[in-house]
Amino acid sequence: MLLEGIETLLVLSKAKTMSRTGSLLYISQSAVSKRIANLEKKLDKKLIEPCGRSIKLTADGQALIDSIGPSFNELRGLIYEQQTLQDTSWITLDSSKSLIAGYLGKTIADYLKHDAFLTITTNHTPRIVEHVKSGKATLGLCAGLMPAHHGLLTFHLADEPFAIVYNKPLNKLPDTIITNDLTNPSNSYQRQTLDKFNITPIMEMDAYTAAAQLALGGTAPALIPNSIIKTLSISEKYCFRFAELAHLIRPIHICVRQNVYQSPRVKTLIATIGDAVAKAV
């Protein structure tokens, strides 16, 4: 009962509403309310409060999340490791959207002919790592820098190049550029290079697809990885590659819990993805 309540509070802290939390946990909204109420009664603390149409944590609720959240996720991961992956057990691949779109469409289709018990979710790298650590995902396909001290087994697959995309000719590095969200830890390393060449990010998108479309529409040049260029079939005449930015790459990794890697099915999937990405990049 207590663990159930903590899990619900963890999800609610990110989902912000009872209904969204219920959808994520596959329970009713009233069940979410009941779990939180039981947890508050058990701890004799008020953990949440209304905030407009959403819910926010109280100071006690935030303190509980901060102190128990990491250990709780690790506990879930350890429990997940004890499960034996049978031939019909579901494997969840949590992946960067752009990597799935750019490199793995046909590979996944072919893989499912031999192992139909694979499902795919998409997220940003920090969330992917969190899901693998907690056992919500079996393995993760990550783009950009990995978080420090993640404690997972990782495989470096490739370093994906970037190009500057724009619908007008570029004879030199632009002064301004559209990027993906540089507050995302997996992307933040890009800022150092941009600062070095006095390139100012004027917009930070949540998706490279949006950045590319703005650039192709003429809003401003955009820094776009090869997977998105491939996915959108962007003509090379709109892609500009400058020697100064040649070292600016996006590392691609697979991450998995050490014990989960012992599964032959997981090893096969990792090898399949690794081969496809390495060849494509």
C-alpha atoms as a PDB file:
ATOM      1  CA  MET A   1       0.000   0.000   0.000  1.00  0.00           C
ATOM      2  CA  LEU A   2       2.793   2.441   0.951  1.00  0.00           C
ATOM      3  CA  LEU A   3       4.879   1.662  -2.155  1.00  0.00           C
ATOM      4  CA  GLU A   4       1.779   1.988  -4.302  1.00  0.00           C
ATOM      5  CA  GLY A   5       1.142   5.453  -2.893  1.00  0.00           C
ATOM      6  CA  ILE A   6       4.740   6.580  -3.429  1.00  0.00           C
ATOM      7  CA  GLU A   7       4.656   5.382  -7.041  1.00  0.00           C
ATOM      8  CA  THR A   8       1.432   7.327  -7.599  1.00  0.00           C
ATOM      9  CA  LEU A   9       2.904  10.471  -6.051  1.00  0.00           C
ATOM     10  CA  LEU A  10       6.005  10.174  -8.254  1.00  0.00           C
ATOM     11  CA  VAL A  11       3.876   9.974 -11.389  1.00  0.00           C
ATOM     12  CA  LEU A  12       1.569  12.761 -10.209  1.00  0.00           C
ATOM     13  CA  SER A  13       4.540  15.058  -9.575  1.00  0.00           C
ATOM     14  CA  LYS A  14       5.289  14.942 -13.315  1.00  0.00           C
ATOM     15  CA  ALA A  15       1.823  14.436 -14.800  1.00  0.00           C
ATOM     16  CA  LYS A  16       0.373  17.343 -12.758  1.00  0.00           C
ATOM     17  CA  THR A  17      -3.232  16.117 -12.945  1.00  0.00           C
ATOM     18  CA  MET A  18      -5.154  13.232 -11.401  1.00  0.00           C
ATOM     19  CA  SER A  19      -6.627  12.202 -14.747  1.00  0.00           C
ATOM     20  CA  ARG A  20      -3.277  12.117 -16.534  1.00  0.00           C
ATOM     21  CA  THR A  21      -1.752  10.178 -13.646  1.00  0.00           C
ATOM     22  CA  GLY A  22      -4.573   7.650 -13.818  1.00  0.00           C
ATOM     23  CA  SER A  23      -4.007   7.203 -17.554  1.00  0.00           C
ATOM     24  CA  LEU A  24      -0.281   6.606 -17.054  1.00  0.00           C
ATOM     25  CA  LEU A  25      -0.888   4.079 -14.265  1.00  0.00           C
ATOM     26  CA  TYR A  26      -3.914   2.470 -15.953  1.00  0.00           C
ATOM     27  CA  ILE A  27      -6.175   3.191 -12.964  1.00  0.00           C
ATOM     28  CA  SER A  28      -9.144   5.477 -12.439  1.00  0.00           C
ATOM     29  CA  GLN A  29      -8.887   9.073 -11.295  1.00  0.00           C
ATOM     30  CA  SER A  30     -10.668   8.146  -8.063  1.00  0.00           C
ATOM     31  CA  ALA A  31      -8.099   5.403  -7.449  1.00  0.00           C
ATOM     32  CA  VAL A  32      -5.315   8.000  -7.799  1.00  0.00           C
ATOM     33  CA  SER A  33      -7.042  10.244  -5.242  1.00  0.00           C
ATOM     34  CA  LYS A  34      -7.516   7.324  -2.869  1.00  0.00           C
ATOM     35  CA  ARG A  35      -3.865   6.265  -3.089  1.00  0.00           C
ATOM     36  CA  ILE A  36      -2.642   9.791  -2.366  1.00  0.00           C
ATOM     37  CA  ALA A  37      -5.116  10.209   0.498  1.00  0.00           C
ATOM     38  CA  ASN A  38      -3.979   6.921   2.043  1.00  0.00           C
ATOM     39  CA  LEU A  39      -0.335   7.964   1.730  1.00  0.00           C
ATOM     40  CA  GLU A  40      -1.033  11.326   3.363  1.00  0.00           C
ATOM     41  CA  LYS A  41      -2.894   9.580   6.193  1.00  0.00           C
ATOM     42  CA  LYS A  42      -0.067   7.094   6.691  1.00  0.00           C
ATOM     43  CA  LEU A  43       2.577   9.845   6.848  1.00  0.00           C
ATOM     44  CA  ASP A  44       0.320  12.392   8.560  1.00  0.00           C
ATOM     45  CA  LYS A  45       1.420  15.041   6.048  1.00  0.00           C
ATOM     46  CA  LYS A  46      -0.255  17.046   3.310  1.00  0.00           C
ATOM     47  CA  LEU A  47       1.595  16.084   0.130  1.00  0.00           C
ATOM     48  CA  ILE A  48      -0.310  17.836  -2.662  1.00  0.00           C
ATOM     49  CA  GLU A  49      -2.437  20.939  -3.174  1.00  0.00           C
ATOM     50  CA  PRO A  50      -4.462  22.450  -6.020  1.00  0.00           C
ATOM     51  CA  CYS A  51      -2.726  24.804  -8.446  1.00  0.00           C
ATOM     52  CA  GLY A  52      -5.287  26.115 -10.921  1.00  0.00           C
ATOM     53  CA  ARG A  53      -6.435  23.113 -12.921  1.00  0.00           C
ATOM     54  CA  SER A  54      -3.369  21.145 -11.928  1.00  0.00           C
ATOM     55  CA  ILE A  55      -1.860  19.669  -8.793  1.00  0.00           C
ATOM     56  CA  LYS A  56       1.450  20.660  -7.220  1.00  0.00           C
ATOM     57  CA  LEU A  57       3.488  19.136  -4.437  1.00  0.00           C
ATOM     58  CA  THR A  58       3.594  20.752  -1.029  1.00  0.00           C
ATOM     59  CA  ALA A  59       6.980  21.302   0.604  1.00  0.00           C
ATOM     60  CA  ASP A  60       6.522  17.969   2.414  1.00  0.00           C
ATOM     61  CA  GLY A  61       5.556  16.267  -0.833  1.00  0.00           C
ATOM     62  CA  GLN A  62       8.624  17.613  -2.626  1.00  0.00           C
ATOM     63  CA  ALA A  63      10.865  16.600   0.253  1.00  0.00           C
ATOM     64  CA  LEU A  64       9.456  13.071   0.099  1.00  0.00           C
ATOM     65  CA  ILE A  65      10.067  12.847  -3.649  1.00  0.00           C
ATOM     66  CA  ASP A  66      13.596  14.218  -3.303  1.00  0.00           C
ATOM     67  CA  SER A  67      14.560  11.772  -0.560  1.00  0.00           C
ATOM     68  CA  ILE A  68      12.735   8.614  -1.658  1.00  0.00           C
ATOM     69  CA  GLY A  69      12.340   9.015  -5.423  1.00  0.00           C
ATOM     70  CA  PRO A  70      15.829   7.867  -6.521  1.00  0.00           C
ATOM     71  CA  SER A  71      15.840   4.897  -4.128  1.00  0.00           C
ATOM     72  CA  PHE A  72      12.317   3.926  -5.143  1.00  0.00           C
ATOM     73  CA  ASN A  73      13.233   3.922  -8.842  1.00  0.00           C
ATOM     74  CA  GLU A  74      16.319   1.838  -8.093  1.00  0.00           C
ATOM     75  CA  LEU A  75      14.173  -0.613  -6.121  1.00  0.00           C
ATOM     76  CA  ARG A  76      11.810  -0.957  -9.069  1.00  0.00           C
ATOM     77  CA  GLY A  77      14.791  -1.594 -11.316  1.00  0.00           C
ATOM     78  CA  LEU A  78      16.143  -4.285  -9.003  1.00  0.00           C
ATOM     79  CA  ILE A  79      12.737  -5.971  -8.905  1.00  0.00           C
ATOM     80  CA  TYR A  80      12.581  -5.808 -12.708  1.00  0.00           C
ATOM     81  CA  GLU A  81      15.975  -7.518 -12.921  1.00  0.00           C
ATOM     82  CA  GLN A  82      14.594 -10.519 -11.037  1.00  0.00           C
ATOM     83  CA  GLN A  83      12.057 -11.198 -13.783  1.00  0.00           C
ATOM     84  CA  THR A  84      13.044 -13.782 -16.357  1.00  0.00           C
ATOM     85  CA  LEU A  85      12.557 -12.619 -19.924  1.00  0.00           C
ATOM     86  CA  GLN A  86      10.787 -15.502 -21.590  1.00  0.00           C
ATOM     87  CA  ASP A  87      10.253 -15.756 -25.342  1.00  0.00           C
ATOM     88  CA  THR A  88       6.833 -14.147 -24.908  1.00  0.00           C
ATOM     89  CA  SER A  89       7.856 -11.499 -22.340  1.00  0.00           C
ATOM     90  CA  TRP A  90       7.499  -7.957 -23.630  1.00  0.00           C
ATOM     91  CA  ILE A  91      10.684  -5.996 -24.249  1.00  0.00           C
ATOM     92  CA  THR A  92      10.318  -2.207 -24.191  1.00  0.00           C
ATOM     93  CA  LEU A  93      12.710  -0.068 -26.191  1.00  0.00           C
ATOM     94  CA  ASP A  94      12.615   3.589 -25.102  1.00  0.00           C
ATOM     95  CA  SER A  95      14.244   5.678 -27.797  1.00  0.00           C
ATOM     96  CA  SER A  96      14.984   9.101 -29.163  1.00  0.00           C
ATOM     97  CA  LYS A  97      12.299   9.949 -31.740  1.00  0.00           C
ATOM     98  CA  SER A  98      14.809  11.066 -34.333  1.00  0.00           C
ATOM     99  CA  LEU A  99      16.863   7.860 -34.129  1.00  0.00           C
ATOM    100  CA  ILE A 100      13.813   5.655 -34.638  1.00  0.00           C
ATOM    101  CA  ALA A 101      12.627   7.794 -37.532  1.00  0.00           C
ATOM    102  CA  GLY A 102      15.980   8.246 -39.190  1.00  0.00           C
ATOM    103  CA  TYR A 103      17.662   4.890 -38.839  1.00  0.00           C
ATOM    104  CA  LEU A 104      15.467   2.052 -37.605  1.00  0.00           C
ATOM    105  CA  GLY A 105      12.198   1.954 -39.547  1.00  0.00           C
ATOM    106  CA  LYS A 106      12.954  -1.086 -41.696  1.00  0.00           C
ATOM    107  CA  THR A 107      15.202  -2.700 -39.068  1.00  0.00           C
ATOM    108  CA  ILE A 108      12.406  -2.781 -36.491  1.00  0.00           C
ATOM    109  CA  ALA A 109       9.919  -4.082 -39.055  1.00  0.00           C
ATOM    110  CA  ASP A 110      12.287  -6.935 -39.955  1.00  0.00           C
ATOM    111  CA  TYR A 111      13.062  -7.658 -36.294  1.00  0.00           C
ATOM    112  CA  LEU A 112       9.382  -8.039 -35.423  1.00  0.00           C
ATOM    113  CA  LYS A 113       9.100 -10.891 -37.914  1.00  0.00           C
ATOM    114  CA  HIS A 114      11.292 -12.968 -35.601  1.00  0.00           C
ATOM    115  CA  ASP A 115      10.402 -11.478 -32.206  1.00  0.00           C
ATOM    116  CA  ALA A 116       6.918  -9.995 -32.058  1.00  0.00           C
ATOM    117  CA  PHE A 117       7.090  -9.134 -28.357  1.00  0.00           C
ATOM    118  CA  LEU A 118       8.791  -5.783 -28.743  1.00  0.00           C
ATOM    119  CA  THR A 119       7.191  -2.423 -28.059  1.00  0.00           C
ATOM    120  CA  ILE A 120       8.688   1.043 -28.543  1.00  0.00           C
ATOM    121  CA  THR A 121       8.250   4.297 -26.661  1.00  0.00           C
ATOM    122  CA  THR A 122       9.961   7.623 -27.367  1.00  0.00           C
ATOM    123  CA  ASN A 123      11.449  10.160 -24.970  1.00  0.00           C
ATOM    124  CA  HIS A 124      14.353  12.525 -24.435  1.00  0.00           C
ATOM    125  CA  THR A 125      17.605  11.005 -23.198  1.00  0.00           C
ATOM    126  CA  PRO A 126      17.329  11.959 -19.483  1.00  0.00           C
ATOM    127  CA  ARG A 127      13.863  10.377 -19.290  1.00  0.00           C
ATOM    128  CA  ILE A 128      15.031   7.315 -21.247  1.00  0.00           C
ATOM    129  CA  VAL A 129      17.822   6.716 -18.721  1.00  0.00           C
ATOM    130  CA  GLU A 130      15.349   7.158 -15.867  1.00  0.00           C
ATOM    131  CA  HIS A 131      12.979   4.606 -17.422  1.00  0.00           C
ATOM    132  CA  VAL A 132      15.741   2.025 -17.929  1.00  0.00           C
ATOM    133  CA  LYS A 133      17.009   2.483 -14.381  1.00  0.00           C
ATOM    134  CA  SER A 134      13.502   1.990 -12.939  1.00  0.00           C
ATOM    135  CA  GLY A 135      12.638  -0.990 -15.147  1.00  0.00           C
ATOM    136  CA  LYS A 136       9.922   0.861 -17.074  1.00  0.00           C
ATOM    137  CA  ALA A 137      11.986   0.218 -20.192  1.00  0.00           C
ATOM    138  CA  THR A 138      14.148  -2.796 -20.949  1.00  0.00           C
ATOM    139  CA  LEU A 139      16.723  -0.800 -22.847  1.00  0.00           C
ATOM    140  CA  GLY A 140      17.181   2.734 -24.112  1.00  0.00           C
ATOM    141  CA  LEU A 141      18.469   4.224 -27.356  1.00  0.00           C
ATOM    142  CA  CYS A 142      19.873   7.631 -26.440  1.00  0.00           C
ATOM    143  CA  ALA A 143      21.005  10.639 -28.468  1.00  0.00           C
ATOM    144  CA  GLY A 144      23.315  13.274 -27.020  1.00  0.00           C
ATOM    145  CA  LEU A 145      25.301  13.234 -23.805  1.00  0.00           C
ATOM    146  CA  MET A 146      24.432  10.596 -21.233  1.00  0.00           C
ATOM    147  CA  PRO A 147      23.745  11.824 -17.680  1.00  0.00           C
ATOM    148  CA  ALA A 148      26.641  11.450 -15.260  1.00  0.00           C
ATOM    149  CA  HIS A 149      26.687   8.542 -12.807  1.00  0.00           C
ATOM    150  CA  HIS A 150      23.757   6.753 -14.458  1.00  0.00           C
ATOM    151  CA  GLY A 151      24.983   3.336 -13.311  1.00  0.00           C
ATOM    152  CA  LEU A 152      23.858   1.515 -16.473  1.00  0.00           C
ATOM    153  CA  LEU A 153      25.712  -0.638 -18.965  1.00  0.00           C
ATOM    154  CA  THR A 154      26.172   1.424 -22.143  1.00  0.00           C
ATOM    155  CA  PHE A 155      27.221   0.708 -25.718  1.00  0.00           C
ATOM    156  CA  HIS A 156      28.473   3.561 -27.896  1.00  0.00           C
ATOM    157  CA  LEU A 157      27.047   2.978 -31.369  1.00  0.00           C
ATOM    158  CA  ALA A 158      28.101   6.010 -33.399  1.00  0.00           C
ATOM    159  CA  ASP A 159      28.687   9.764 -33.471  1.00  0.00           C
ATOM    160  CA  GLU A 160      26.032  11.448 -35.565  1.00  0.00           C
ATOM    161  CA  PRO A 161      27.081  14.582 -37.507  1.00  0.00           C
ATOM    162  CA  PHE A 162      25.141  17.831 -37.658  1.00  0.00           C
ATOM    163  CA  ALA A 163      24.543  20.204 -40.552  1.00  0.00           C
ATOM    164  CA  ILE A 164      23.200  23.729 -40.623  1.00  0.00           C
ATOM    165  CA  VAL A 165      19.953  23.689 -42.568  1.00  0.00           C
ATOM    166  CA  TYR A 166      18.610  26.800 -44.296  1.00  0.00           C
ATOM    167  CA  ASN A 167      16.624  27.621 -47.427  1.00  0.00           C
ATOM    168  CA  LYS A 168      19.098  30.309 -48.519  1.00  0.00           C
ATOM    169  CA  PRO A 169      22.801  29.948 -49.406  1.00  0.00           C
ATOM    170  CA  LEU A 170      25.254  30.208 -46.501  1.00  0.00           C
ATOM    171  CA  ASN A 171      28.839  31.164 -47.291  1.00  0.00           C
ATOM    172  CA  LYS A 172      29.909  31.508 -43.668  1.00  0.00           C
ATOM    173  CA  LEU A 173      28.768  30.532 -40.200  1.00  0.00           C
ATOM    174  CA  PRO A 174      25.504  32.283 -39.318  1.00  0.00           C
ATOM    175  CA  ASP A 175      25.300  34.779 -36.462  1.00  0.00           C
ATOM    176  CA  THR A 176      22.026  33.318 -35.186  1.00  0.00           C
ATOM    177  CA  ILE A 177      20.644  29.814 -35.203  1.00  0.00           C
ATOM    178  CA  ILE A 178      17.684  27.661 -34.179  1.00  0.00           C
ATOM    179  CA  THR A 179      18.619  24.746 -31.923  1.00  0.00           C
ATOM    180  CA  ASN A 180      16.959  22.024 -29.925  1.00  0.00           C
ATOM    181  CA  ASP A 181      16.410  22.707 -26.215  1.00  0.00           C
ATOM    182  CA  LEU A 182      19.846  23.532 -24.790  1.00  0.00           C
ATOM    183  CA  THR A 183      18.586  23.272 -21.211  1.00  0.00           C
ATOM    184  CA  ASN A 184      18.212  19.546 -21.855  1.00  0.00           C
ATOM    185  CA  PRO A 185      21.421  18.046 -20.352  1.00  0.00           C
ATOM    186  CA  SER A 186      21.870  15.781 -23.364  1.00  0.00           C
ATOM    187  CA  ASN A 187      22.068  18.853 -25.660  1.00  0.00           C
ATOM    188  CA  SER A 188      23.744  21.420 -23.402  1.00  0.00           C
ATOM    189  CA  TYR A 189      27.260  20.617 -24.668  1.00  0.00           C
ATOM    190  CA  GLN A 190      26.348  22.239 -28.017  1.00  0.00           C
ATOM    191  CA  ARG A 191      26.262  25.704 -26.428  1.00  0.00           C
ATOM    192  CA  GLN A 192      30.020  25.751 -25.813  1.00  0.00           C
ATOM    193  CA  THR A 193      30.766  25.348 -29.522  1.00  0.00           C
ATOM    194  CA  LEU A 194      28.146  27.894 -30.542  1.00  0.00           C
ATOM    195  CA  ASP A 195      29.543  30.394 -28.032  1.00  0.00           C
ATOM    196  CA  LYS A 196      33.072  29.805 -29.331  1.00  0.00           C
ATOM    197  CA  PHE A 197      32.017  31.009 -32.791  1.00  0.00           C
ATOM    198  CA  ASN A 198      29.673  33.752 -31.522  1.00  0.00           C
ATOM    199  CA  ILE A 199      26.566  32.002 -32.834  1.00  0.00           C
ATOM    200  CA  THR A 200      23.494  33.010 -30.842  1.00  0.00           C
ATOM    201  CA  PRO A 201      20.615  30.531 -30.383  1.00  0.00           C
ATOM    202  CA  ILE A 202      17.471  32.570 -31.024  1.00  0.00           C
ATOM    203  CA  MET A 203      14.941  29.744 -30.658  1.00  0.00           C
ATOM    204  CA  GLU A 204      15.172  26.433 -28.807  1.00  0.00           C
ATOM    205  CA  MET A 205      12.743  23.789 -30.000  1.00  0.00           C
ATOM    206  CA  ASP A 206      11.513  20.642 -28.290  1.00  0.00           C
ATOM    207  CA  ALA A 207      11.985  18.668 -31.520  1.00  0.00           C
ATOM    208  CA  TYR A 208      14.539  18.868 -34.305  1.00  0.00           C
ATOM    209  CA  THR A 209      11.757  18.390 -36.844  1.00  0.00           C
ATOM    210  CA  ALA A 210      10.246  21.723 -35.840  1.00  0.00           C
ATOM    211  CA  ALA A 211      13.645  23.428 -36.016  1.00  0.00           C
ATOM    212  CA  ALA A 212      14.262  22.006 -39.501  1.00  0.00           C
ATOM    213  CA  GLN A 213      10.870  23.092 -40.804  1.00  0.00           C
ATOM    214  CA  LEU A 214      11.407  26.629 -39.523  1.00  0.00           C
ATOM    215  CA  ALA A 215      14.790  26.737 -41.245  1.00  0.00           C
ATOM    216  CA  LEU A 216      13.369  25.435 -44.512  1.00  0.00           C
ATOM    217  CA  GLY A 217      10.655  28.078 -44.253  1.00  0.00           C
ATOM    218  CA  GLY A 218      13.270  30.797 -43.999  1.00  0.00           C
ATOM    219  CA  THR A 219      12.921  31.763 -40.329  1.00  0.00           C
ATOM    220  CA  ALA A 220      16.617  31.245 -39.510  1.00  0.00           C
ATOM    221  CA  PRO A 221      19.340  28.607 -39.988  1.00  0.00           C
ATOM    222  CA  ALA A 222      18.988  25.548 -37.735  1.00  0.00           C
ATOM    223  CA  LEU A 223      21.413  23.003 -36.310  1.00  0.00           C
ATOM    224  CA  ILE A 224      20.030  19.615 -37.402  1.00  0.00           C
ATOM    225  CA  PRO A 225      21.386  16.059 -36.913  1.00  0.00           C
ATOM    226  CA  ASN A 226      21.772  13.658 -39.815  1.00  0.00           C
ATOM    227  CA  SER A 227      18.848  11.444 -38.713  1.00  0.00           C
ATOM    228  CA  ILE A 228      16.367  14.309 -39.122  1.00  0.00           C
ATOM    229  CA  ILE A 229      17.894  15.336 -42.454  1.00  0.00           C
ATOM    230  CA  LYS A 230      17.364  11.765 -43.605  1.00  0.00           C
ATOM    231  CA  THR A 231      13.858  11.475 -42.170  1.00  0.00           C
ATOM    232  CA  LEU A 232      12.660  14.680 -43.811  1.00  0.00           C
ATOM    233  CA  SER A 233      14.578  13.972 -47.040  1.00  0.00           C
ATOM    234  CA  ILE A 234      16.150  17.416 -46.871  1.00  0.00           C
ATOM    235  CA  SER A 235      18.070  18.159 -50.050  1.00  0.00           C
ATOM    236  CA  GLU A 236      21.821  18.610 -49.712  1.00  0.00           C
ATOM    237  CA  LYS A 237      21.477  22.055 -51.298  1.00  0.00           C
ATOM    238  CA  TYR A 238      19.875  23.166 -48.032  1.00  0.00           C
ATOM    239  CA  CYS A 239      22.526  21.508 -45.830  1.00  0.00           C
ATOM    240  CA  PHE A 240      25.694  23.429 -44.996  1.00  0.00           C
ATOM    241  CA  ARG A 241      28.673  21.767 -43.310  1.00  0.00           C
ATOM    242  CA  PHE A 242      31.413  24.043 -42.011  1.00  0.00           C
ATOM    243  CA  ALA A 243      34.878  22.852 -40.999  1.00  0.00           C
ATOM    244  CA  GLU A 244      34.635  24.814 -37.749  1.00  0.00           C
ATOM    245  CA  LEU A 245      31.703  22.640 -36.647  1.00  0.00           C
ATOM    246  CA  ALA A 246      33.054  19.304 -37.884  1.00  0.00           C
ATOM    247  CA  HIS A 247      33.761  18.157 -34.322  1.00  0.00           C
ATOM    248  CA  LEU A 248      30.197  18.932 -33.210  1.00  0.00           C
ATOM    249  CA  ILE A 249      28.525  15.526 -33.135  1.00  0.00           C
ATOM    250  CA  ARG A 250      25.658  13.815 -31.345  1.00  0.00           C
ATOM    251  CA  PRO A 251      26.786  10.590 -29.629  1.00  0.00           C
ATOM    252  CA  ILE A 252      24.398   7.631 -29.837  1.00  0.00           C
ATOM    253  CA  HIS A 253      24.299   5.021 -27.059  1.00  0.00           C
ATOM    254  CA  ILE A 254      22.262   2.037 -25.999  1.00  0.00           C
ATOM    255  CA  CYS A 255      21.808   1.690 -22.247  1.00  0.00           C
ATOM    256  CA  VAL A 256      20.583  -1.326 -20.272  1.00  0.00           C
ATOM    257  CA  ARG A 257      20.724  -2.653 -16.724  1.00  0.00           C
ATOM    258  CA  GLN A 258      23.672  -5.033 -16.260  1.00  0.00           C
ATOM    259  CA  ASN A 259      21.608  -8.053 -15.236  1.00  0.00           C
ATOM    260  CA  VAL A 260      19.002  -7.483 -17.957  1.00  0.00           C
ATOM    261  CA  TYR A 261      21.792  -7.660 -20.545  1.00  0.00           C
ATOM    262  CA  GLN A 262      22.248 -11.338 -19.697  1.00  0.00           C
ATOM    263  CA  SER A 263      19.058 -12.133 -21.654  1.00  0.00           C
ATOM    264  CA  PRO A 264      19.867 -13.560 -25.122  1.00  0.00           C
ATOM    265  CA  ARG A 265      16.859 -11.691 -26.560  1.00  0.00           C
ATOM    266  CA  VAL A 266      18.149  -8.385 -25.228  1.00  0.00           C
ATOM    267  CA  LYS A 267      21.644  -9.081 -26.581  1.00  0.00           C
ATOM    268  CA  THR A 268      20.196  -9.899 -30.002  1.00  0.00           C
ATOM    269  CA  LEU A 269      18.139  -6.708 -30.081  1.00  0.00           C
ATOM    270  CA  ILE A 270      21.119  -4.582 -29.027  1.00  0.00           C
ATOM    271  CA  ALA A 271      23.314  -6.153 -31.710  1.00  0.00           C
ATOM    272  CA  THR A 272      20.613  -5.611 -34.343  1.00  0.00           C
ATOM    273  CA  ILE A 273      20.127  -1.942 -33.448  1.00  0.00           C
ATOM    274  CA  GLY A 274      23.846  -1.328 -33.132  1.00  0.00           C
ATOM    275  CA  ASP A 275      24.571  -2.757 -36.562  1.00  0.00           C
ATOM    276  CA  ALA A 276      21.767  -0.752 -38.217  1.00  0.00           C
ATOM    277  CA  VAL A 277      22.760   2.553 -36.606  1.00  0.00           C
ATOM    278  CA  ALA A 278      26.468   2.119 -37.284  1.00  0.00           C
ATOM    279  CA  LYS A 279      25.817   1.399 -40.968  1.00  0.00           C
ATOM    280  CA  ALA A 280      23.362   4.282 -41.363  1.00  0.00           C
ATOM    281  CA  VAL A 281      25.519   6.885 -39.632  1.00  0.00           C
END
